[in-house]
């Protein structure tokens, strides 16, 4: 509870000096969410680098959470890795019973699709269009929504 409270405070008052401690917490299942919560709003490049580095170490739902935080930051440095994660989920038939690993992979894929929609740009849109053509219905729907989100962000940015 104390770490959670401190991370909530660091989200508001933290600086780049807080990043190393929070970065060490990103791949620990007990502290990952609270560290991401603090880091995703930091404007310093060190926070983005810490989240990008954690992409290589995190697994499962922690990885999906880190991907979500990078999407919130609209971090273009992770674009290539996110494009890889989009295809993590194997196209299972919707009638098959899904195991835990399959559900986690789908969460990673959906997080990456959503993050690409938030980041936008030509490469992100190409990847989203590609996955939309060959994904499951859930993936197709998420990709279509991400394409629309990207177009909306692009229109906002050009105002």
C-alpha atoms as a PDB file:
ATOM      1  CA  UNK A   1       0.000   0.000   0.000  1.00  0.00           C
ATOM      2  CA  UNK A   2       2.887   2.353   0.743  1.00  0.00           C
ATOM      3  CA  UNK A   3       4.461   1.808  -2.692  1.00  0.00           C
ATOM      4  CA  UNK A   4       1.107   2.412  -4.327  1.00  0.00           C
ATOM      5  CA  UNK A   5       0.699   5.696  -2.439  1.00  0.00           C
ATOM      6  CA  UNK A   6       4.229   6.837  -3.311  1.00  0.00           C
ATOM      7  CA  UNK A   7       3.708   6.008  -7.010  1.00  0.00           C
ATOM      8  CA  UNK A   8       0.490   8.008  -7.036  1.00  0.00           C
ATOM      9  CA  UNK A   9       2.383  10.949  -5.591  1.00  0.00           C
ATOM     10  CA  UNK A  10       5.236  10.495  -8.074  1.00  0.00           C
ATOM     11  CA  UNK A  11       2.720  10.606 -10.911  1.00  0.00           C
ATOM     12  CA  UNK A  12       1.998  14.181  -9.824  1.00  0.00           C
ATOM     13  CA  UNK A  13       5.334  15.463  -8.523  1.00  0.00           C
ATOM     14  CA  UNK A  14       7.905  13.003  -9.870  1.00  0.00           C
ATOM     15  CA  UNK A  15      10.794  14.051 -12.088  1.00  0.00           C
ATOM     16  CA  UNK A  16      13.341  12.264 -14.254  1.00  0.00           C
ATOM     17  CA  UNK A  17      15.197  11.450 -11.019  1.00  0.00           C
ATOM     18  CA  UNK A  18      12.299   9.126 -10.114  1.00  0.00           C
ATOM     19  CA  UNK A  19      12.577   7.127 -13.347  1.00  0.00           C
ATOM     20  CA  UNK A  20      15.301   4.594 -12.342  1.00  0.00           C
ATOM     21  CA  UNK A  21      13.382   3.437  -9.259  1.00  0.00           C
ATOM     22  CA  UNK A  22      10.101   3.223 -11.172  1.00  0.00           C
ATOM     23  CA  UNK A  23      11.805   1.461 -14.102  1.00  0.00           C
ATOM     24  CA  UNK A  24      13.018  -1.281 -11.763  1.00  0.00           C
ATOM     25  CA  UNK A  25       9.404  -1.825 -10.697  1.00  0.00           C
ATOM     26  CA  UNK A  26       8.028  -2.249 -14.241  1.00  0.00           C
ATOM     27  CA  UNK A  27       8.714  -5.979 -14.590  1.00  0.00           C
ATOM     28  CA  UNK A  28       7.667  -7.000 -11.089  1.00  0.00           C
ATOM     29  CA  UNK A  29       4.112  -8.347 -11.101  1.00  0.00           C
ATOM     30  CA  UNK A  30       3.393  -6.727  -7.729  1.00  0.00           C
ATOM     31  CA  UNK A  31       4.519  -3.223  -8.724  1.00  0.00           C
ATOM     32  CA  UNK A  32       4.267  -3.011 -12.519  1.00  0.00           C
ATOM     33  CA  UNK A  33       0.861  -1.335 -12.656  1.00  0.00           C
ATOM     34  CA  UNK A  34       1.728   1.330 -10.114  1.00  0.00           C
ATOM     35  CA  UNK A  35       5.070   2.109 -11.801  1.00  0.00           C
ATOM     36  CA  UNK A  36       3.377   2.413 -15.206  1.00  0.00           C
ATOM     37  CA  UNK A  37       0.729   4.648 -13.681  1.00  0.00           C
ATOM     38  CA  UNK A  38       3.442   7.031 -12.524  1.00  0.00           C
ATOM     39  CA  UNK A  39       5.657   6.881 -15.632  1.00  0.00           C
ATOM     40  CA  UNK A  40       3.110   7.173 -18.408  1.00  0.00           C
ATOM     41  CA  UNK A  41       2.460  10.853 -17.667  1.00  0.00           C
ATOM     42  CA  UNK A  42       6.102  11.894 -17.308  1.00  0.00           C
ATOM     43  CA  UNK A  43       7.093  14.234 -20.110  1.00  0.00           C
ATOM     44  CA  UNK A  44      10.806  13.406 -19.924  1.00  0.00           C
ATOM     45  CA  UNK A  45      12.360  11.074 -22.526  1.00  0.00           C
ATOM     46  CA  UNK A  46      13.820   8.919 -19.735  1.00  0.00           C
ATOM     47  CA  UNK A  47      10.321   7.677 -18.878  1.00  0.00           C
ATOM     48  CA  UNK A  48       9.698   6.599 -22.471  1.00  0.00           C
ATOM     49  CA  UNK A  49      13.062   4.852 -22.609  1.00  0.00           C
ATOM     50  CA  UNK A  50      12.292   2.984 -19.366  1.00  0.00           C
ATOM     51  CA  UNK A  51       8.945   1.761 -20.723  1.00  0.00           C
ATOM     52  CA  UNK A  52      10.533   0.777 -24.051  1.00  0.00           C
ATOM     53  CA  UNK A  53      13.271  -1.159 -22.261  1.00  0.00           C
ATOM     54  CA  UNK A  54      10.645  -2.971 -20.202  1.00  0.00           C
ATOM     55  CA  UNK A  55       9.006  -4.191 -23.453  1.00  0.00           C
ATOM     56  CA  UNK A  56      11.957  -6.573 -23.856  1.00  0.00           C
ATOM     57  CA  UNK A  57      11.641  -8.025 -20.348  1.00  0.00           C
ATOM     58  CA  UNK A  58       7.931  -8.052 -19.529  1.00  0.00           C
ATOM     59  CA  UNK A  59       5.602 -10.934 -20.263  1.00  0.00           C
ATOM     60  CA  UNK A  60       1.899 -11.631 -20.215  1.00  0.00           C
ATOM     61  CA  UNK A  61      -0.456  -9.050 -18.829  1.00  0.00           C
ATOM     62  CA  UNK A  62       2.447  -6.872 -17.593  1.00  0.00           C
ATOM     63  CA  UNK A  63       3.540  -6.596 -21.221  1.00  0.00           C
ATOM     64  CA  UNK A  64       0.026  -5.620 -22.299  1.00  0.00           C
ATOM     65  CA  UNK A  65      -0.003  -2.941 -19.602  1.00  0.00           C
ATOM     66  CA  UNK A  66       3.348  -1.505 -20.696  1.00  0.00           C
ATOM     67  CA  UNK A  67       2.109  -1.446 -24.289  1.00  0.00           C
ATOM     68  CA  UNK A  68      -0.984   0.469 -23.108  1.00  0.00           C
ATOM     69  CA  UNK A  69       1.203   3.024 -21.323  1.00  0.00           C
ATOM     70  CA  UNK A  70       3.364   3.542 -24.421  1.00  0.00           C
ATOM     71  CA  UNK A  71       0.200   4.081 -26.442  1.00  0.00           C
ATOM     72  CA  UNK A  72      -1.003   6.678 -23.955  1.00  0.00           C
ATOM     73  CA  UNK A  73       2.340   8.445 -24.339  1.00  0.00           C
ATOM     74  CA  UNK A  74       2.037   8.189 -28.154  1.00  0.00           C
ATOM     75  CA  UNK A  75       5.615   6.933 -28.060  1.00  0.00           C
ATOM     76  CA  UNK A  76       6.863   6.495 -31.624  1.00  0.00           C
ATOM     77  CA  UNK A  77      10.114   4.806 -30.538  1.00  0.00           C
ATOM     78  CA  UNK A  78       8.253   1.553 -29.870  1.00  0.00           C
ATOM     79  CA  UNK A  79       6.456   1.465 -33.220  1.00  0.00           C
ATOM     80  CA  UNK A  80       8.456  -1.435 -34.718  1.00  0.00           C
ATOM     81  CA  UNK A  81       8.026  -3.579 -31.611  1.00  0.00           C
ATOM     82  CA  UNK A  82       4.289  -2.826 -31.433  1.00  0.00           C
ATOM     83  CA  UNK A  83       3.897  -3.879 -35.062  1.00  0.00           C
ATOM     84  CA  UNK A  84       5.456  -7.248 -34.101  1.00  0.00           C
ATOM     85  CA  UNK A  85       3.138  -7.637 -31.094  1.00  0.00           C
ATOM     86  CA  UNK A  86       0.076  -7.088 -33.279  1.00  0.00           C
ATOM     87  CA  UNK A  87       0.653 -10.547 -34.744  1.00  0.00           C
ATOM     88  CA  UNK A  88       1.355 -12.326 -31.426  1.00  0.00           C
ATOM     89  CA  UNK A  89      -2.162 -13.706 -31.174  1.00  0.00           C
ATOM     90  CA  UNK A  90      -2.776 -16.727 -33.349  1.00  0.00           C
ATOM     91  CA  UNK A  91      -6.048 -16.650 -35.258  1.00  0.00           C
ATOM     92  CA  UNK A  92      -8.041 -19.186 -33.305  1.00  0.00           C
ATOM     93  CA  UNK A  93     -11.502 -20.155 -34.471  1.00  0.00           C
ATOM     94  CA  UNK A  94     -14.015 -18.291 -32.293  1.00  0.00           C
ATOM     95  CA  UNK A  95     -15.728 -21.607 -31.485  1.00  0.00           C
ATOM     96  CA  UNK A  96     -12.598 -23.108 -29.920  1.00  0.00           C
ATOM     97  CA  UNK A  97     -12.182 -22.924 -26.190  1.00  0.00           C
ATOM     98  CA  UNK A  98      -9.403 -20.466 -25.433  1.00  0.00           C
ATOM     99  CA  UNK A  99      -6.668 -21.332 -22.963  1.00  0.00           C
ATOM    100  CA  UNK A 100      -5.064 -18.820 -20.612  1.00  0.00           C
ATOM    101  CA  UNK A 101      -2.020 -18.323 -22.853  1.00  0.00           C
ATOM    102  CA  UNK A 102      -4.243 -17.642 -25.850  1.00  0.00           C
ATOM    103  CA  UNK A 103      -6.242 -15.075 -23.886  1.00  0.00           C
ATOM    104  CA  UNK A 104      -3.041 -13.348 -22.748  1.00  0.00           C
ATOM    105  CA  UNK A 105      -1.715 -13.284 -26.319  1.00  0.00           C
ATOM    106  CA  UNK A 106      -4.992 -11.780 -27.493  1.00  0.00           C
ATOM    107  CA  UNK A 107      -4.720  -9.097 -24.788  1.00  0.00           C
ATOM    108  CA  UNK A 108      -1.187  -8.275 -25.953  1.00  0.00           C
ATOM    109  CA  UNK A 109      -2.370  -8.040 -29.551  1.00  0.00           C
ATOM    110  CA  UNK A 110      -5.355  -5.865 -28.673  1.00  0.00           C
ATOM    111  CA  UNK A 111      -3.153  -3.587 -26.545  1.00  0.00           C
ATOM    112  CA  UNK A 112      -0.691  -3.227 -29.439  1.00  0.00           C
ATOM    113  CA  UNK A 113      -3.509  -2.483 -31.898  1.00  0.00           C
ATOM    114  CA  UNK A 114      -4.933   0.176 -29.588  1.00  0.00           C
ATOM    115  CA  UNK A 115      -1.486   1.708 -29.016  1.00  0.00           C
ATOM    116  CA  UNK A 116      -0.831   1.861 -32.776  1.00  0.00           C
ATOM    117  CA  UNK A 117      -4.130   3.691 -33.197  1.00  0.00           C
ATOM    118  CA  UNK A 118      -3.085   6.240 -30.585  1.00  0.00           C
ATOM    119  CA  UNK A 119       0.399   6.716 -32.053  1.00  0.00           C
ATOM    120  CA  UNK A 120      -0.748   6.797 -35.670  1.00  0.00           C
ATOM    121  CA  UNK A 121       1.376   7.446 -38.717  1.00  0.00           C
ATOM    122  CA  UNK A 122       1.917   5.595 -41.972  1.00  0.00           C
ATOM    123  CA  UNK A 123       3.598   2.462 -40.547  1.00  0.00           C
ATOM    124  CA  UNK A 124       0.971   2.067 -37.828  1.00  0.00           C
ATOM    125  CA  UNK A 125      -1.875   2.417 -40.319  1.00  0.00           C
ATOM    126  CA  UNK A 126      -0.284  -0.074 -42.732  1.00  0.00           C
ATOM    127  CA  UNK A 127       0.067  -2.628 -39.939  1.00  0.00           C
ATOM    128  CA  UNK A 128      -3.502  -2.041 -38.754  1.00  0.00           C
ATOM    129  CA  UNK A 129      -4.851  -2.476 -42.283  1.00  0.00           C
ATOM    130  CA  UNK A 130      -2.842  -5.691 -42.676  1.00  0.00           C
ATOM    131  CA  UNK A 131      -4.033  -7.228 -39.392  1.00  0.00           C
ATOM    132  CA  UNK A 132      -7.595  -6.200 -40.183  1.00  0.00           C
ATOM    133  CA  UNK A 133      -7.489  -8.315 -43.347  1.00  0.00           C
ATOM    134  CA  UNK A 134      -6.286 -11.454 -41.633  1.00  0.00           C
ATOM    135  CA  UNK A 135      -7.323 -11.283 -37.972  1.00  0.00           C
ATOM    136  CA  UNK A 136     -10.136 -12.804 -35.964  1.00  0.00           C
ATOM    137  CA  UNK A 137     -13.405 -10.865 -35.664  1.00  0.00           C
ATOM    138  CA  UNK A 138     -12.295  -9.340 -32.338  1.00  0.00           C
ATOM    139  CA  UNK A 139      -8.947  -8.315 -33.837  1.00  0.00           C
ATOM    140  CA  UNK A 140     -10.629  -6.960 -36.982  1.00  0.00           C
ATOM    141  CA  UNK A 141     -12.981  -4.842 -34.886  1.00  0.00           C
ATOM    142  CA  UNK A 142     -10.129  -3.502 -32.728  1.00  0.00           C
ATOM    143  CA  UNK A 143      -8.052  -2.683 -35.823  1.00  0.00           C
ATOM    144  CA  UNK A 144     -10.947  -0.821 -37.441  1.00  0.00           C
ATOM    145  CA  UNK A 145     -11.497   1.179 -34.247  1.00  0.00           C
ATOM    146  CA  UNK A 146      -7.764   1.939 -34.031  1.00  0.00           C
ATOM    147  CA  UNK A 147      -7.697   3.138 -37.647  1.00  0.00           C
ATOM    148  CA  UNK A 148     -10.564   5.515 -36.872  1.00  0.00           C
ATOM    149  CA  UNK A 149      -8.846   6.669 -33.673  1.00  0.00           C
ATOM    150  CA  UNK A 150      -5.656   7.359 -35.636  1.00  0.00           C
ATOM    151  CA  UNK A 151      -7.555   9.349 -38.265  1.00  0.00           C
ATOM    152  CA  UNK A 152      -9.281  11.347 -35.534  1.00  0.00           C
ATOM    153  CA  UNK A 153      -5.938  12.096 -33.796  1.00  0.00           C
ATOM    154  CA  UNK A 154      -4.439  13.087 -37.130  1.00  0.00           C
ATOM    155  CA  UNK A 155      -7.310  15.498 -37.798  1.00  0.00           C
ATOM    156  CA  UNK A 156      -6.909  16.988 -34.292  1.00  0.00           C
ATOM    157  CA  UNK A 157      -3.154  17.416 -34.756  1.00  0.00           C
ATOM    158  CA  UNK A 158      -3.637  19.231 -38.067  1.00  0.00           C
ATOM    159  CA  UNK A 159      -6.066  21.814 -36.635  1.00  0.00           C
END
